[in-house]
């Protein structure tokens, strides 16, 4: 799939920011649609089924968190990738965003090279050459093609970034990954995220799969323990 096969929905109440993002996306060959607030974003998402939504958090009529929650409840939009555009770096904002179903954060002010790097990384899962494989353990199955996780034959929902983190660790059971490597591989080397971002995601994986599924190696990083 080529870049121009992808549709990106840009949501921000600031027309200057929308224009900057649109320009850089169009130059790279992406199809771009725009919304001024969350309510309009929900409407366009349902109508146009974009592959990626880049959405501001603080907007009139409906903020990004609420729009994200509504979109995530629509089964026809379960594959759309959602990244928040925000200047707010507080842990509260990140946790709230991930709870709402966000896949990633891109911080303002937006740097074009970083933006395009993140867009390409976020859309990578749509590429046709992606391998359709399953990771099967004793009581845990991770379906990388359908983005499903079964624990004791019961499906568990994961936001996109949590799923990607789980797959990254589970692909190499027993291997200890340094925090820097996890951040680089899952979030991207050019992206600066909050210090607690990885800790929040690890905690959520443990809450859903059990505390023993991921082991903390003090002073080093994390290790997936095959159940």
C-alpha atoms as a PDB file:
ATOM      1  CA  UNK A   1       0.000   0.000   0.000  1.00  0.00           C
ATOM      2  CA  UNK A   2       1.409   3.353  -1.027  1.00  0.00           C
ATOM      3  CA  UNK A   3       1.209   6.523   1.030  1.00  0.00           C
ATOM      4  CA  UNK A   4      -1.520   8.031  -1.163  1.00  0.00           C
ATOM      5  CA  UNK A   5      -3.739   5.036  -0.398  1.00  0.00           C
ATOM      6  CA  UNK A   6      -3.955   6.269   3.184  1.00  0.00           C
ATOM      7  CA  UNK A   7      -6.470   8.822   4.450  1.00  0.00           C
ATOM      8  CA  UNK A   8      -5.570  10.963   7.466  1.00  0.00           C
ATOM      9  CA  UNK A   9      -8.148  12.957   9.422  1.00  0.00           C
ATOM     10  CA  UNK A  10      -6.618  16.046  11.047  1.00  0.00           C
ATOM     11  CA  UNK A  11      -8.649  17.476  13.939  1.00  0.00           C
ATOM     12  CA  UNK A  12      -7.717  20.806  15.509  1.00  0.00           C
ATOM     13  CA  UNK A  13      -9.566  24.045  16.225  1.00  0.00           C
ATOM     14  CA  UNK A  14      -6.522  26.050  15.119  1.00  0.00           C
ATOM     15  CA  UNK A  15      -6.619  26.462  11.305  1.00  0.00           C
ATOM     16  CA  UNK A  16      -2.902  27.300  11.168  1.00  0.00           C
ATOM     17  CA  UNK A  17      -1.978  23.987  12.796  1.00  0.00           C
ATOM     18  CA  UNK A  18      -4.308  22.102  10.455  1.00  0.00           C
ATOM     19  CA  UNK A  19      -2.693  23.806   7.474  1.00  0.00           C
ATOM     20  CA  UNK A  20       0.841  22.947   8.598  1.00  0.00           C
ATOM     21  CA  UNK A  21      -0.078  19.301   9.130  1.00  0.00           C
ATOM     22  CA  UNK A  22      -2.058  19.118   5.891  1.00  0.00           C
ATOM     23  CA  UNK A  23       0.834  20.564   3.876  1.00  0.00           C
ATOM     24  CA  UNK A  24       3.354  18.049   5.191  1.00  0.00           C
ATOM     25  CA  UNK A  25       0.996  15.104   4.722  1.00  0.00           C
ATOM     26  CA  UNK A  26       0.009  16.086   1.192  1.00  0.00           C
ATOM     27  CA  UNK A  27       3.657  16.536   0.195  1.00  0.00           C
ATOM     28  CA  UNK A  28       4.231  12.911   1.244  1.00  0.00           C
ATOM     29  CA  UNK A  29       1.245  11.760  -0.806  1.00  0.00           C
ATOM     30  CA  UNK A  30      -1.396  11.209   1.878  1.00  0.00           C
ATOM     31  CA  UNK A  31      -5.067  12.048   1.414  1.00  0.00           C
ATOM     32  CA  UNK A  32      -6.130  14.551   4.088  1.00  0.00           C
ATOM     33  CA  UNK A  33      -9.504  15.559   5.514  1.00  0.00           C
ATOM     34  CA  UNK A  34     -10.005  18.111   8.288  1.00  0.00           C
ATOM     35  CA  UNK A  35     -12.282  18.747  11.270  1.00  0.00           C
ATOM     36  CA  UNK A  36     -12.472  21.753  13.586  1.00  0.00           C
ATOM     37  CA  UNK A  37     -13.666  19.931  16.731  1.00  0.00           C
ATOM     38  CA  UNK A  38     -14.440  16.502  18.142  1.00  0.00           C
ATOM     39  CA  UNK A  39     -18.072  16.342  17.039  1.00  0.00           C
ATOM     40  CA  UNK A  40     -17.106  17.017  13.435  1.00  0.00           C
ATOM     41  CA  UNK A  41     -14.306  14.465  13.724  1.00  0.00           C
ATOM     42  CA  UNK A  42     -16.742  11.748  14.802  1.00  0.00           C
ATOM     43  CA  UNK A  43     -19.039  12.557  11.862  1.00  0.00           C
ATOM     44  CA  UNK A  44     -16.207  12.491   9.318  1.00  0.00           C
ATOM     45  CA  UNK A  45     -14.714   9.327  10.785  1.00  0.00           C
ATOM     46  CA  UNK A  46     -18.023   7.509  10.318  1.00  0.00           C
ATOM     47  CA  UNK A  47     -18.460   8.872   6.790  1.00  0.00           C
ATOM     48  CA  UNK A  48     -14.886   8.539   5.480  1.00  0.00           C
ATOM     49  CA  UNK A  49     -13.281   5.738   7.534  1.00  0.00           C
ATOM     50  CA  UNK A  50      -9.790   7.267   7.729  1.00  0.00           C
ATOM     51  CA  UNK A  51      -6.777   5.086   8.462  1.00  0.00           C
ATOM     52  CA  UNK A  52      -5.299   7.582  10.925  1.00  0.00           C
ATOM     53  CA  UNK A  53      -6.751  10.387  13.045  1.00  0.00           C
ATOM     54  CA  UNK A  54      -4.452  13.124  14.350  1.00  0.00           C
ATOM     55  CA  UNK A  55      -6.537  14.884  16.985  1.00  0.00           C
ATOM     56  CA  UNK A  56      -6.070  17.811  19.319  1.00  0.00           C
ATOM     57  CA  UNK A  57      -7.177  17.327  22.927  1.00  0.00           C
ATOM     58  CA  UNK A  58      -8.642  20.677  23.985  1.00  0.00           C
ATOM     59  CA  UNK A  59     -11.313  21.765  21.471  1.00  0.00           C
ATOM     60  CA  UNK A  60     -14.739  23.416  21.582  1.00  0.00           C
ATOM     61  CA  UNK A  61     -18.048  21.488  21.334  1.00  0.00           C
ATOM     62  CA  UNK A  62     -16.340  18.149  22.016  1.00  0.00           C
ATOM     63  CA  UNK A  63     -12.790  17.536  23.210  1.00  0.00           C
ATOM     64  CA  UNK A  64     -10.472  14.897  21.801  1.00  0.00           C
ATOM     65  CA  UNK A  65     -10.945  12.463  24.688  1.00  0.00           C
ATOM     66  CA  UNK A  66     -14.712  12.270  24.220  1.00  0.00           C
ATOM     67  CA  UNK A  67     -14.412  12.026  20.438  1.00  0.00           C
ATOM     68  CA  UNK A  68     -11.917   9.187  20.824  1.00  0.00           C
ATOM     69  CA  UNK A  69     -14.241   7.286  23.183  1.00  0.00           C
ATOM     70  CA  UNK A  70     -17.141   7.569  20.743  1.00  0.00           C
ATOM     71  CA  UNK A  71     -15.044   6.442  17.783  1.00  0.00           C
ATOM     72  CA  UNK A  72     -13.683   3.470  19.726  1.00  0.00           C
ATOM     73  CA  UNK A  73     -17.250   2.287  20.436  1.00  0.00           C
ATOM     74  CA  UNK A  74     -18.001   2.053  16.705  1.00  0.00           C
ATOM     75  CA  UNK A  75     -17.151  -1.473  15.469  1.00  0.00           C
ATOM     76  CA  UNK A  76     -16.730  -0.199  11.907  1.00  0.00           C
ATOM     77  CA  UNK A  77     -13.851   1.991  13.078  1.00  0.00           C
ATOM     78  CA  UNK A  78     -12.011  -0.558  15.203  1.00  0.00           C
ATOM     79  CA  UNK A  79      -8.928  -0.472  12.972  1.00  0.00           C
ATOM     80  CA  UNK A  80      -8.481   3.304  12.856  1.00  0.00           C
ATOM     81  CA  UNK A  81      -5.320   4.578  14.530  1.00  0.00           C
ATOM     82  CA  UNK A  82      -5.741   7.601  16.798  1.00  0.00           C
ATOM     83  CA  UNK A  83      -2.909   9.862  17.934  1.00  0.00           C
ATOM     84  CA  UNK A  84      -3.458  12.940  20.094  1.00  0.00           C
ATOM     85  CA  UNK A  85      -1.792  16.236  19.273  1.00  0.00           C
ATOM     86  CA  UNK A  86      -1.128  17.958  22.565  1.00  0.00           C
ATOM     87  CA  UNK A  87       1.125  20.411  24.304  1.00  0.00           C
ATOM     88  CA  UNK A  88       0.074  19.003  27.641  1.00  0.00           C
ATOM     89  CA  UNK A  89       2.703  16.626  28.980  1.00  0.00           C
ATOM     90  CA  UNK A  90       1.122  15.761  32.317  1.00  0.00           C
ATOM     91  CA  UNK A  91       0.758  12.080  33.187  1.00  0.00           C
ATOM     92  CA  UNK A  92      -2.934  12.703  33.822  1.00  0.00           C
ATOM     93  CA  UNK A  93      -3.473  13.700  30.213  1.00  0.00           C
ATOM     94  CA  UNK A  94      -1.604  10.683  28.907  1.00  0.00           C
ATOM     95  CA  UNK A  95      -3.435   8.221  31.150  1.00  0.00           C
ATOM     96  CA  UNK A  96      -6.788   9.778  30.252  1.00  0.00           C
ATOM     97  CA  UNK A  97      -5.922   9.574  26.573  1.00  0.00           C
ATOM     98  CA  UNK A  98      -4.882   5.943  26.710  1.00  0.00           C
ATOM     99  CA  UNK A  99      -8.016   5.102  28.687  1.00  0.00           C
ATOM    100  CA  UNK A 100     -10.062   6.762  25.954  1.00  0.00           C
ATOM    101  CA  UNK A 101      -8.425   4.476  23.391  1.00  0.00           C
ATOM    102  CA  UNK A 102      -5.602   6.562  21.955  1.00  0.00           C
ATOM    103  CA  UNK A 103      -2.703   4.767  20.307  1.00  0.00           C
ATOM    104  CA  UNK A 104      -0.080   7.463  20.682  1.00  0.00           C
ATOM    105  CA  UNK A 105       0.758  11.079  21.460  1.00  0.00           C
ATOM    106  CA  UNK A 106       2.481  13.643  19.281  1.00  0.00           C
ATOM    107  CA  UNK A 107       3.536  16.710  21.205  1.00  0.00           C
ATOM    108  CA  UNK A 108       3.221  20.314  20.067  1.00  0.00           C
ATOM    109  CA  UNK A 109       4.956  22.313  18.735  1.00  0.00           C
ATOM    110  CA  UNK A 110       4.952  19.846  15.854  1.00  0.00           C
ATOM    111  CA  UNK A 111       8.216  19.246  14.042  1.00  0.00           C
ATOM    112  CA  UNK A 112       7.546  18.134  10.431  1.00  0.00           C
ATOM    113  CA  UNK A 113      10.220  15.416  10.354  1.00  0.00           C
ATOM    114  CA  UNK A 114       9.038  13.951  13.650  1.00  0.00           C
ATOM    115  CA  UNK A 115       5.416  14.153  12.515  1.00  0.00           C
ATOM    116  CA  UNK A 116       6.068  12.216   9.309  1.00  0.00           C
ATOM    117  CA  UNK A 117       8.160   9.656  11.140  1.00  0.00           C
ATOM    118  CA  UNK A 118       5.308   9.034  13.571  1.00  0.00           C
ATOM    119  CA  UNK A 119       2.674   8.932  10.826  1.00  0.00           C
ATOM    120  CA  UNK A 120       4.619   6.304   8.888  1.00  0.00           C
ATOM    121  CA  UNK A 121       5.173   4.256  12.043  1.00  0.00           C
ATOM    122  CA  UNK A 122       1.500   4.444  13.031  1.00  0.00           C
ATOM    123  CA  UNK A 123       0.332   3.392   9.572  1.00  0.00           C
ATOM    124  CA  UNK A 124       2.845   0.583   9.232  1.00  0.00           C
ATOM    125  CA  UNK A 125       0.348  -2.017  10.421  1.00  0.00           C
ATOM    126  CA  UNK A 126      -1.822  -1.444   7.329  1.00  0.00           C
ATOM    127  CA  UNK A 127       0.892  -2.488   4.872  1.00  0.00           C
ATOM    128  CA  UNK A 128       0.058  -5.559   2.851  1.00  0.00           C
ATOM    129  CA  UNK A 129       3.397  -7.221   3.486  1.00  0.00           C
ATOM    130  CA  UNK A 130       2.705  -7.400   7.216  1.00  0.00           C
ATOM    131  CA  UNK A 131       2.890 -11.003   8.398  1.00  0.00           C
ATOM    132  CA  UNK A 132      -0.300 -12.571   9.685  1.00  0.00           C
ATOM    133  CA  UNK A 133       0.880 -14.672  12.592  1.00  0.00           C
ATOM    134  CA  UNK A 134      -0.224 -15.771  16.030  1.00  0.00           C
ATOM    135  CA  UNK A 135       1.763 -16.048  19.234  1.00  0.00           C
ATOM    136  CA  UNK A 136       0.385 -19.024  21.142  1.00  0.00           C
ATOM    137  CA  UNK A 137       1.249 -19.813  24.744  1.00  0.00           C
ATOM    138  CA  UNK A 138      -0.346 -22.174  27.254  1.00  0.00           C
ATOM    139  CA  UNK A 139      -3.353 -19.983  28.100  1.00  0.00           C
ATOM    140  CA  UNK A 140      -2.601 -16.882  26.036  1.00  0.00           C
ATOM    141  CA  UNK A 141      -3.031 -16.290  22.302  1.00  0.00           C
ATOM    142  CA  UNK A 142      -1.976 -13.074  20.577  1.00  0.00           C
ATOM    143  CA  UNK A 143      -3.334 -12.691  17.054  1.00  0.00           C
ATOM    144  CA  UNK A 144      -1.154 -10.104  15.350  1.00  0.00           C
ATOM    145  CA  UNK A 145      -3.227  -9.973  12.178  1.00  0.00           C
ATOM    146  CA  UNK A 146      -6.621  -9.440  13.835  1.00  0.00           C
ATOM    147  CA  UNK A 147      -5.251  -7.497  16.812  1.00  0.00           C
ATOM    148  CA  UNK A 148      -6.880  -9.833  19.319  1.00  0.00           C
ATOM    149  CA  UNK A 149      -5.700 -11.231  22.637  1.00  0.00           C
ATOM    150  CA  UNK A 150      -7.290 -14.305  24.212  1.00  0.00           C
ATOM    151  CA  UNK A 151      -6.581 -15.203  27.837  1.00  0.00           C
ATOM    152  CA  UNK A 152      -8.099 -18.517  28.920  1.00  0.00           C
ATOM    153  CA  UNK A 153     -10.170 -18.339  25.705  1.00  0.00           C
ATOM    154  CA  UNK A 154     -11.669 -14.969  26.706  1.00  0.00           C
ATOM    155  CA  UNK A 155     -10.946 -11.963  24.522  1.00  0.00           C
ATOM    156  CA  UNK A 156      -9.362  -8.959  26.224  1.00  0.00           C
ATOM    157  CA  UNK A 157      -9.465  -5.482  24.702  1.00  0.00           C
ATOM    158  CA  UNK A 158      -6.241  -3.524  24.318  1.00  0.00           C
ATOM    159  CA  UNK A 159      -5.655   0.012  23.015  1.00  0.00           C
ATOM    160  CA  UNK A 160      -3.352  -0.079  20.022  1.00  0.00           C
ATOM    161  CA  UNK A 161      -0.159   0.992  21.779  1.00  0.00           C
ATOM    162  CA  UNK A 162      -0.647  -1.506  24.612  1.00  0.00           C
ATOM    163  CA  UNK A 163      -1.133  -4.230  21.996  1.00  0.00           C
ATOM    164  CA  UNK A 164       2.020  -3.222  20.124  1.00  0.00           C
ATOM    165  CA  UNK A 165       4.010  -3.241  23.364  1.00  0.00           C
ATOM    166  CA  UNK A 166       2.681  -6.687  24.257  1.00  0.00           C
ATOM    167  CA  UNK A 167       3.544  -8.076  20.819  1.00  0.00           C
ATOM    168  CA  UNK A 168       7.032  -6.574  20.928  1.00  0.00           C
ATOM    169  CA  UNK A 169       7.803  -8.225  24.267  1.00  0.00           C
ATOM    170  CA  UNK A 170       5.996 -11.498  23.535  1.00  0.00           C
ATOM    171  CA  UNK A 171       7.828 -11.947  20.233  1.00  0.00           C
ATOM    172  CA  UNK A 172      10.952 -12.743  22.278  1.00  0.00           C
ATOM    173  CA  UNK A 173       9.896 -14.561  25.462  1.00  0.00           C
ATOM    174  CA  UNK A 174      12.573 -14.480  28.144  1.00  0.00           C
ATOM    175  CA  UNK A 175      14.581 -11.727  26.517  1.00  0.00           C
ATOM    176  CA  UNK A 176      15.213  -8.660  28.663  1.00  0.00           C
ATOM    177  CA  UNK A 177      14.598  -5.406  26.824  1.00  0.00           C
ATOM    178  CA  UNK A 178      16.038  -2.119  28.005  1.00  0.00           C
ATOM    179  CA  UNK A 179      13.577   0.733  28.474  1.00  0.00           C
ATOM    180  CA  UNK A 180      15.338   2.764  25.796  1.00  0.00           C
ATOM    181  CA  UNK A 181      14.973  -0.070  23.280  1.00  0.00           C
ATOM    182  CA  UNK A 182      11.276  -0.503  24.052  1.00  0.00           C
ATOM    183  CA  UNK A 183      10.615   3.190  23.630  1.00  0.00           C
ATOM    184  CA  UNK A 184      12.573   3.287  20.369  1.00  0.00           C
ATOM    185  CA  UNK A 185      10.915   0.221  18.858  1.00  0.00           C
ATOM    186  CA  UNK A 186       7.337   0.788  20.035  1.00  0.00           C
ATOM    187  CA  UNK A 187       7.124   4.583  20.098  1.00  0.00           C
ATOM    188  CA  UNK A 188       9.865   5.521  17.649  1.00  0.00           C
ATOM    189  CA  UNK A 189      13.370   6.812  18.202  1.00  0.00           C
ATOM    190  CA  UNK A 190      12.507  10.385  17.195  1.00  0.00           C
ATOM    191  CA  UNK A 191       9.590  10.697  19.589  1.00  0.00           C
ATOM    192  CA  UNK A 192       9.953  12.161  23.048  1.00  0.00           C
ATOM    193  CA  UNK A 193       7.380  10.755  25.468  1.00  0.00           C
ATOM    194  CA  UNK A 194       6.884  11.255  29.182  1.00  0.00           C
ATOM    195  CA  UNK A 195       9.072   9.351  31.610  1.00  0.00           C
ATOM    196  CA  UNK A 196       6.089   7.391  32.913  1.00  0.00           C
ATOM    197  CA  UNK A 197       4.624   6.440  29.535  1.00  0.00           C
ATOM    198  CA  UNK A 198       6.175   2.976  29.442  1.00  0.00           C
ATOM    199  CA  UNK A 199       5.389   2.386  33.136  1.00  0.00           C
ATOM    200  CA  UNK A 200       1.713   3.208  32.557  1.00  0.00           C
ATOM    201  CA  UNK A 201       1.513   0.737  29.686  1.00  0.00           C
ATOM    202  CA  UNK A 202       3.332  -2.046  31.553  1.00  0.00           C
ATOM    203  CA  UNK A 203       1.010  -1.565  34.518  1.00  0.00           C
ATOM    204  CA  UNK A 204      -2.038  -1.852  32.289  1.00  0.00           C
ATOM    205  CA  UNK A 205      -0.735  -5.035  30.661  1.00  0.00           C
ATOM    206  CA  UNK A 206      -0.243  -6.562  34.099  1.00  0.00           C
ATOM    207  CA  UNK A 207      -3.722  -5.510  35.209  1.00  0.00           C
ATOM    208  CA  UNK A 208      -5.239  -7.346  32.251  1.00  0.00           C
ATOM    209  CA  UNK A 209      -2.953 -10.372  31.958  1.00  0.00           C
ATOM    210  CA  UNK A 210      -1.632 -10.837  35.492  1.00  0.00           C
ATOM    211  CA  UNK A 211       1.309  -9.448  37.397  1.00  0.00           C
ATOM    212  CA  UNK A 212       3.593 -12.330  36.432  1.00  0.00           C
ATOM    213  CA  UNK A 213       3.301 -11.891  32.674  1.00  0.00           C
ATOM    214  CA  UNK A 214       5.948  -9.153  32.517  1.00  0.00           C
ATOM    215  CA  UNK A 215       8.923  -9.191  34.848  1.00  0.00           C
ATOM    216  CA  UNK A 216      10.789  -6.061  35.863  1.00  0.00           C
ATOM    217  CA  UNK A 217      14.543  -6.524  35.759  1.00  0.00           C
ATOM    218  CA  UNK A 218      15.709  -3.837  38.151  1.00  0.00           C
ATOM    219  CA  UNK A 219      18.071  -1.357  36.581  1.00  0.00           C
ATOM    220  CA  UNK A 220      17.739  -2.966  33.149  1.00  0.00           C
ATOM    221  CA  UNK A 221      14.219  -3.187  31.746  1.00  0.00           C
ATOM    222  CA  UNK A 222      11.384  -5.649  31.180  1.00  0.00           C
ATOM    223  CA  UNK A 223      11.004  -9.298  30.234  1.00  0.00           C
ATOM    224  CA  UNK A 224       7.985 -11.205  28.903  1.00  0.00           C
ATOM    225  CA  UNK A 225       7.487 -14.397  30.895  1.00  0.00           C
ATOM    226  CA  UNK A 226       5.792 -17.146  28.871  1.00  0.00           C
ATOM    227  CA  UNK A 227       2.615 -18.207  30.747  1.00  0.00           C
END
